[in-house]
Amino acid sequence: MGRWERALDAAGIREAGLRADYGRQRELVARYKREVALATELLLPAPMVPHVIAAAAFMHRTDTLLDSGPLAERRAASAHWQRKVADSLTAGRTDDPELRPLLHSAGAHPVLRDRVPDFLAAAGADLDFTGFATEEDYQAYVDGYSLPAFMVVAALIGPDGDQGDYRAACRTFIDGSQRLDFVNDLAEDLADGRLTVPVQTLAEHGVTRADLERGRDLPAVRALLADLLGRADRTLAEGRAVIDRVPPAHRPMVRCIVGVEELTGAAARADLGALLRRSASPAKPAALRLLAREYLRARRLRG
């Protein structure tokens, strides 16, 4: 019996059709982020693995609807999906194989039932995104969209009971992670017509949108990118507090999540000018060492 089958057994998922639904969700996550699926299966306790996979697959499905096609089509598809998910949660059942794992996991972990509507209610913030005038606008986006999205999965691996302190630590972490993501995906976002750097911040550095769109590798542009990455680094360093706020058995996974962000930031800083053309990725040897180190820690915790 393979690791995945053992995880389904450990989570009490016995019915053949539901196991198949979870399996398709696992394949979906592996297609769009293989490293997430691998880390989940290696680092988390087996009973938690299928539920995190289901939450991650739901996130991907929702994000795809938000990102694919003309705005009017995206808005209609998102509204239909929100109604479908809400109706399924209210009824406690669904015939949709994409949603059956989510509903089952929400039954096993009621905190997920609360976080899913929060995220769906926040989806409009991304659909209506037109850029940021100020840093305050960026922070409002983090509160209005990034944090609710992150908490869909994060709530599952957080502490039982009151998650107030944990959510505050998650907010700090996702602030740094989102800023890093925006800097790292600058070229791709600009190609899609999205400027994710506040206009106020551009002006402070004497950089224009045209400078970024045309890939001008100027000293001022490099200073801007270095400043944004520095802010991300400092916030991510504060966000490491999230590690100590999850149960010990979940800390290898959270350390890995934080570590990947730190490796991504290091890769971005290594060639600032390249960010005007493409995203940076962690060096594979460093990422594999991180995963191996946390895997050993996870095994020791399990005895």
Protein backbone atom coordinates (compact mmCIF):
# COMPACT_ATOMS: atom_id res chain seq x y z
CA MET A 1 0.00 0.00 0.00
CA GLY A 2 1.39 3.40 -1.01
CA ARG A 3 1.79 6.53 1.10
CA TRP A 4 -1.35 8.14 -0.36
CA GLU A 5 -3.55 5.12 0.31
CA ARG A 6 -2.25 4.97 3.88
CA ALA A 7 -3.08 8.67 4.31
CA LEU A 8 -6.65 8.09 3.11
CA ASP A 9 -7.00 5.22 5.57
CA ALA A 10 -5.54 7.30 8.40
CA ALA A 11 -8.01 10.10 7.63
CA GLY A 12 -10.92 7.63 7.77
CA ILE A 13 -11.76 8.06 4.08
CA ARG A 14 -12.97 4.55 3.22
CA GLU A 15 -15.70 4.86 0.60
CA ALA A 16 -14.32 4.03 -2.86
CA GLY A 17 -15.96 6.90 -4.71
CA LEU A 18 -14.80 9.49 -2.19
CA ARG A 19 -11.27 8.07 -2.26
CA ALA A 20 -11.30 8.47 -6.03
CA ASP A 21 -12.49 12.08 -5.69
CA TYR A 22 -9.65 12.84 -3.30
CA GLY A 23 -7.24 11.13 -5.69
CA ARG A 24 -8.29 13.44 -8.53
CA GLN A 25 -7.76 16.43 -6.25
CA ARG A 26 -4.29 15.15 -5.46
CA GLU A 27 -3.54 14.86 -9.19
CA LEU A 28 -4.76 18.43 -9.71
CA VAL A 29 -2.49 19.81 -7.00
CA ALA A 30 0.45 17.78 -8.30
CA ARG A 31 -0.08 19.18 -11.82
CA TYR A 32 -0.02 22.83 -10.82
CA LYS A 33 2.35 22.62 -7.83
CA ARG A 34 4.05 19.28 -7.56
CA GLU A 35 6.29 20.52 -4.75
CA VAL A 36 3.23 21.39 -2.62
CA ALA A 37 1.75 17.91 -3.05
CA LEU A 38 5.09 16.28 -2.28
CA ALA A 39 5.78 18.38 0.82
CA THR A 40 2.27 17.79 2.12
CA GLU A 41 2.60 14.02 1.86
CA LEU A 42 6.12 13.91 3.29
CA LEU A 43 5.89 16.44 6.09
CA LEU A 44 2.37 16.35 7.54
CA PRO A 45 0.87 13.59 9.71
CA ALA A 46 -0.97 11.13 7.48
CA PRO A 47 -4.50 11.89 8.80
CA MET A 48 -4.09 15.55 7.80
CA VAL A 49 -2.73 14.99 4.27
CA PRO A 50 -5.99 14.41 2.30
CA HIS A 51 -7.68 17.40 3.94
CA VAL A 52 -4.84 19.80 3.09
CA ILE A 53 -4.82 18.44 -0.48
CA ALA A 54 -8.58 19.04 -0.76
CA ALA A 55 -8.21 22.63 0.52
CA ALA A 56 -5.30 23.31 -1.86
CA ALA A 57 -7.25 21.91 -4.82
CA PHE A 58 -10.24 24.10 -3.95
CA MET A 59 -7.94 27.13 -3.81
CA HIS A 60 -6.52 26.30 -7.23
CA ARG A 61 -9.97 25.80 -8.76
CA THR A 62 -11.17 29.13 -7.39
CA ASP A 63 -8.03 30.99 -8.50
CA THR A 64 -8.36 29.54 -12.00
CA LEU A 65 -11.88 30.94 -12.27
CA LEU A 66 -10.62 34.33 -11.10
CA ASP A 67 -7.74 34.41 -13.56
CA SER A 68 -9.05 32.83 -16.77
CA GLY A 69 -10.80 34.74 -19.57
CA PRO A 70 -12.33 38.21 -20.02
CA LEU A 71 -13.42 40.02 -16.87
CA ALA A 72 -17.16 39.62 -17.51
CA GLU A 73 -16.77 35.87 -17.95
CA ARG A 74 -14.57 35.60 -14.87
CA ARG A 75 -17.06 37.56 -12.81
CA ALA A 76 -19.97 35.34 -13.92
CA ALA A 77 -18.01 32.12 -13.41
CA SER A 78 -16.85 33.24 -9.97
CA ALA A 79 -20.38 34.18 -8.90
CA HIS A 80 -21.71 30.80 -10.08
CA TRP A 81 -18.94 28.96 -8.24
CA GLN A 82 -19.57 30.93 -5.04
CA ARG A 83 -23.26 30.04 -5.11
CA LYS A 84 -22.50 26.40 -5.80
CA VAL A 85 -20.02 26.14 -2.94
CA ALA A 86 -22.26 28.04 -0.53
CA ASP A 87 -25.29 25.89 -1.38
CA SER A 88 -23.24 22.72 -0.95
CA LEU A 89 -21.94 23.83 2.45
CA THR A 90 -25.45 24.74 3.57
CA ALA A 91 -26.92 21.44 2.39
CA GLY A 92 -23.99 19.44 3.69
CA ARG A 93 -23.88 17.43 0.47
CA THR A 94 -23.11 17.75 -3.24
CA ASP A 95 -23.04 15.63 -6.39
CA ASP A 96 -20.03 17.53 -7.72
CA PRO A 97 -16.90 15.34 -7.45
CA GLU A 98 -14.79 18.51 -7.28
CA LEU A 99 -16.57 19.58 -4.10
CA ARG A 100 -17.16 16.27 -2.33
CA PRO A 101 -13.65 16.20 -0.82
CA LEU A 102 -13.99 19.80 0.38
CA LEU A 103 -17.31 19.07 2.10
CA HIS A 104 -15.98 15.89 3.68
CA SER A 105 -12.88 17.69 4.94
CA ALA A 106 -15.01 20.55 6.29
CA GLY A 107 -17.00 17.96 8.23
CA ALA A 108 -13.81 16.50 9.68
CA HIS A 109 -12.30 19.93 10.38
CA PRO A 110 -15.07 22.51 10.99
CA VAL A 111 -12.57 25.39 10.93
CA LEU A 112 -12.41 24.87 7.16
CA ARG A 113 -16.17 25.42 6.90
CA ASP A 114 -15.64 28.93 8.30
CA ARG A 115 -12.62 29.85 6.20
CA VAL A 116 -14.07 28.85 2.80
CA PRO A 117 -16.89 31.46 2.86
CA ASP A 118 -14.39 34.10 4.04
CA PHE A 119 -12.23 33.41 1.01
CA LEU A 120 -15.11 33.33 -1.46
CA ALA A 121 -16.41 36.65 -0.09
CA ALA A 122 -12.94 38.14 -0.65
CA ALA A 123 -12.66 36.96 -4.26
CA GLY A 124 -14.02 40.24 -5.60
CA ALA A 125 -10.90 42.04 -4.34
CA ASP A 126 -8.84 40.17 -6.90
CA LEU A 127 -11.42 40.42 -9.69
CA ASP A 128 -11.64 44.18 -9.20
CA PHE A 129 -7.89 44.71 -8.86
CA THR A 130 -6.69 47.82 -10.72
CA GLY A 131 -3.45 48.49 -8.88
CA PHE A 132 -2.42 50.30 -5.71
CA ALA A 133 -2.14 54.03 -5.27
CA THR A 134 -0.47 53.78 -1.86
CA GLU A 135 1.10 51.32 0.56
CA GLU A 136 -2.15 51.50 2.53
CA ASP A 137 -4.00 50.18 -0.53
CA TYR A 138 -1.60 47.25 -0.70
CA GLN A 139 -2.14 46.49 3.00
CA ALA A 140 -5.91 46.59 2.45
CA TYR A 141 -5.48 44.02 -0.34
CA VAL A 142 -3.54 41.76 2.03
CA ASP A 143 -6.38 41.99 4.58
CA GLY A 144 -9.13 41.74 1.99
CA TYR A 145 -7.82 38.94 -0.21
CA SER A 146 -4.37 37.48 0.55
CA LEU A 147 -5.03 36.57 4.18
CA PRO A 148 -8.49 34.99 3.65
CA ALA A 149 -7.02 32.98 0.76
CA PHE A 150 -4.04 31.80 2.80
CA MET A 151 -6.20 30.83 5.77
CA VAL A 152 -8.15 28.23 3.77
CA VAL A 153 -5.16 25.91 4.05
CA ALA A 154 -3.39 27.53 7.00
CA ALA A 155 -6.37 27.11 9.33
CA LEU A 156 -6.19 23.33 8.87
CA ILE A 157 -2.62 23.11 10.15
CA GLY A 158 -3.07 25.71 12.88
CA PRO A 159 -3.82 25.12 16.56
CA ASP A 160 -7.10 23.73 17.82
CA GLY A 161 -9.46 26.20 19.41
CA ASP A 162 -8.85 29.95 19.31
CA GLN A 163 -6.64 30.85 16.35
CA GLY A 164 -6.43 34.58 17.06
CA ASP A 165 -2.69 34.75 17.76
CA TYR A 166 -1.99 32.28 14.96
CA ARG A 167 -4.03 34.29 12.46
CA ALA A 168 -2.08 37.44 13.42
CA ALA A 169 1.19 35.60 12.76
CA CYS A 170 -0.22 34.33 9.45
CA ARG A 171 -1.11 37.91 8.54
CA THR A 172 2.50 39.00 9.04
CA PHE A 173 3.81 36.06 7.05
CA ILE A 174 1.43 36.51 4.13
CA ASP A 175 2.21 40.24 3.98
CA GLY A 176 5.86 39.36 3.29
CA SER A 177 4.97 36.45 1.02
CA GLN A 178 2.53 38.49 -1.07
CA ARG A 179 5.00 41.36 -1.49
CA LEU A 180 7.69 38.91 -2.56
CA ASP A 181 5.27 37.28 -4.99
CA PHE A 182 4.36 40.63 -6.52
CA VAL A 183 8.02 41.58 -7.01
CA ASN A 184 8.97 38.16 -8.30
CA ASP A 185 6.07 38.04 -10.78
CA LEU A 186 6.48 41.66 -11.86
CA ALA A 187 7.23 40.89 -15.52
CA GLU A 188 4.35 38.41 -15.86
CA ASP A 189 1.87 40.74 -14.16
CA LEU A 190 2.89 43.71 -16.30
CA ALA A 191 2.45 41.58 -19.42
CA ASP A 192 -1.13 40.96 -18.23
CA GLY A 193 -1.68 44.68 -17.64
CA ARG A 194 -1.35 44.50 -13.83
CA LEU A 195 0.95 46.85 -11.94
CA THR A 196 1.36 45.50 -8.41
CA VAL A 197 3.79 48.12 -7.09
CA PRO A 198 2.05 51.09 -5.41
CA VAL A 199 2.23 54.25 -7.51
CA GLN A 200 3.38 56.08 -4.39
CA THR A 201 6.37 53.73 -4.08
CA LEU A 202 7.28 54.20 -7.75
CA ALA A 203 7.28 57.97 -7.27
CA GLU A 204 9.47 57.73 -4.16
CA HIS A 205 12.11 56.00 -6.28
CA GLY A 206 11.68 58.13 -9.39
CA VAL A 207 10.54 55.12 -11.44
CA THR A 208 7.66 55.09 -13.92
CA ARG A 209 5.38 52.29 -15.02
CA ALA A 210 6.87 52.62 -18.50
CA ASP A 211 10.34 51.97 -17.05
CA LEU A 212 9.11 48.63 -15.73
CA GLU A 213 7.02 47.70 -18.75
CA ARG A 214 9.97 48.33 -21.07
CA GLY A 215 12.36 46.44 -18.84
CA ARG A 216 14.71 49.37 -18.27
CA ASP A 217 17.51 48.06 -16.07
CA LEU A 218 18.24 51.44 -14.49
CA PRO A 219 19.88 52.18 -11.12
CA ALA A 220 16.60 53.62 -9.86
CA VAL A 221 14.71 50.51 -10.96
CA ARG A 222 17.21 48.26 -9.20
CA ALA A 223 16.94 50.39 -6.06
CA LEU A 224 13.16 50.05 -6.21
CA LEU A 225 13.32 46.26 -6.55
CA ALA A 226 15.92 45.99 -3.79
CA ASP A 227 13.75 48.11 -1.48
CA LEU A 228 10.66 45.98 -2.14
CA LEU A 229 12.58 42.75 -1.59
CA GLY A 230 14.08 44.19 1.59
CA ARG A 231 10.61 44.96 2.91
CA ALA A 232 9.52 41.43 2.05
CA ASP A 233 12.57 39.97 3.79
CA ARG A 234 11.97 41.91 6.98
CA THR A 235 8.30 40.98 7.12
CA LEU A 236 9.00 37.33 6.38
CA ALA A 237 11.57 37.30 9.19
CA GLU A 238 8.86 38.53 11.57
CA GLY A 239 6.45 36.02 10.06
CA ARG A 240 8.65 33.12 11.17
CA ALA A 241 6.75 33.42 14.46
CA VAL A 242 4.01 31.42 12.73
CA ILE A 243 6.14 28.28 13.10
CA ASP A 244 5.85 28.18 16.89
CA ARG A 245 2.09 28.74 16.77
CA VAL A 246 1.24 25.45 15.07
CA PRO A 247 1.25 22.00 16.71
CA PRO A 248 4.73 20.42 16.78
CA ALA A 249 3.72 17.76 14.26
CA HIS A 250 2.92 20.48 11.71
CA ARG A 251 6.07 22.55 12.18
CA PRO A 252 8.19 20.75 9.55
CA MET A 253 5.60 21.71 6.92
CA VAL A 254 5.40 25.31 8.08
CA ARG A 255 9.19 25.63 8.29
CA CYS A 256 9.36 24.33 4.73
CA ILE A 257 6.78 26.89 3.54
CA VAL A 258 8.70 29.71 5.20
CA GLY A 259 12.02 28.37 3.96
CA VAL A 260 10.88 28.24 0.34
CA GLU A 261 9.88 31.89 0.55
CA GLU A 262 13.30 32.78 1.95
CA LEU A 263 15.05 30.84 -0.81
CA THR A 264 12.89 32.57 -3.42
CA GLY A 265 13.80 35.96 -1.99
CA ALA A 266 17.49 35.09 -2.12
CA ALA A 267 17.18 33.99 -5.75
CA ALA A 268 15.40 37.24 -6.64
CA ARG A 269 18.06 39.38 -4.95
CA ALA A 270 20.82 37.53 -6.79
CA ASP A 271 19.86 39.14 -10.14
CA LEU A 272 17.58 42.14 -9.75
CA GLY A 273 17.66 43.05 -13.42
CA ALA A 274 16.36 39.61 -14.40
CA LEU A 275 13.11 40.29 -12.54
CA LEU A 276 12.22 42.68 -15.34
CA ARG A 277 12.09 39.67 -17.68
CA ARG A 278 11.18 36.61 -15.60
CA SER A 279 10.48 35.25 -12.15
CA ALA A 280 13.22 33.85 -9.90
CA SER A 281 13.08 30.33 -8.49
CA PRO A 282 14.87 28.77 -5.53
CA ALA A 283 17.98 26.81 -6.43
CA LYS A 284 16.93 23.16 -6.68
CA PRO A 285 19.75 21.79 -4.48
CA ALA A 286 18.88 24.23 -1.70
CA ALA A 287 15.16 23.43 -1.99
CA LEU A 288 15.86 19.68 -1.86
CA ARG A 289 18.09 20.11 1.19
CA LEU A 290 15.32 22.05 2.91
CA LEU A 291 12.75 19.36 2.13
CA ALA A 292 15.10 16.56 3.24
CA ARG A 293 15.94 18.32 6.50
CA GLU A 294 12.28 18.84 7.37
CA TYR A 295 11.40 15.29 6.33
CA LEU A 296 13.92 13.95 8.82
CA ARG A 297 12.47 16.18 11.50
CA ALA A 298 8.97 14.98 10.68
CA ARG A 299 10.06 11.34 10.91
CA ARG A 300 11.67 11.92 14.29
CA LEU A 301 8.47 13.51 15.58
CA ARG A 302 6.48 10.48 14.49
CA GLY A 303 8.91 8.16 16.22
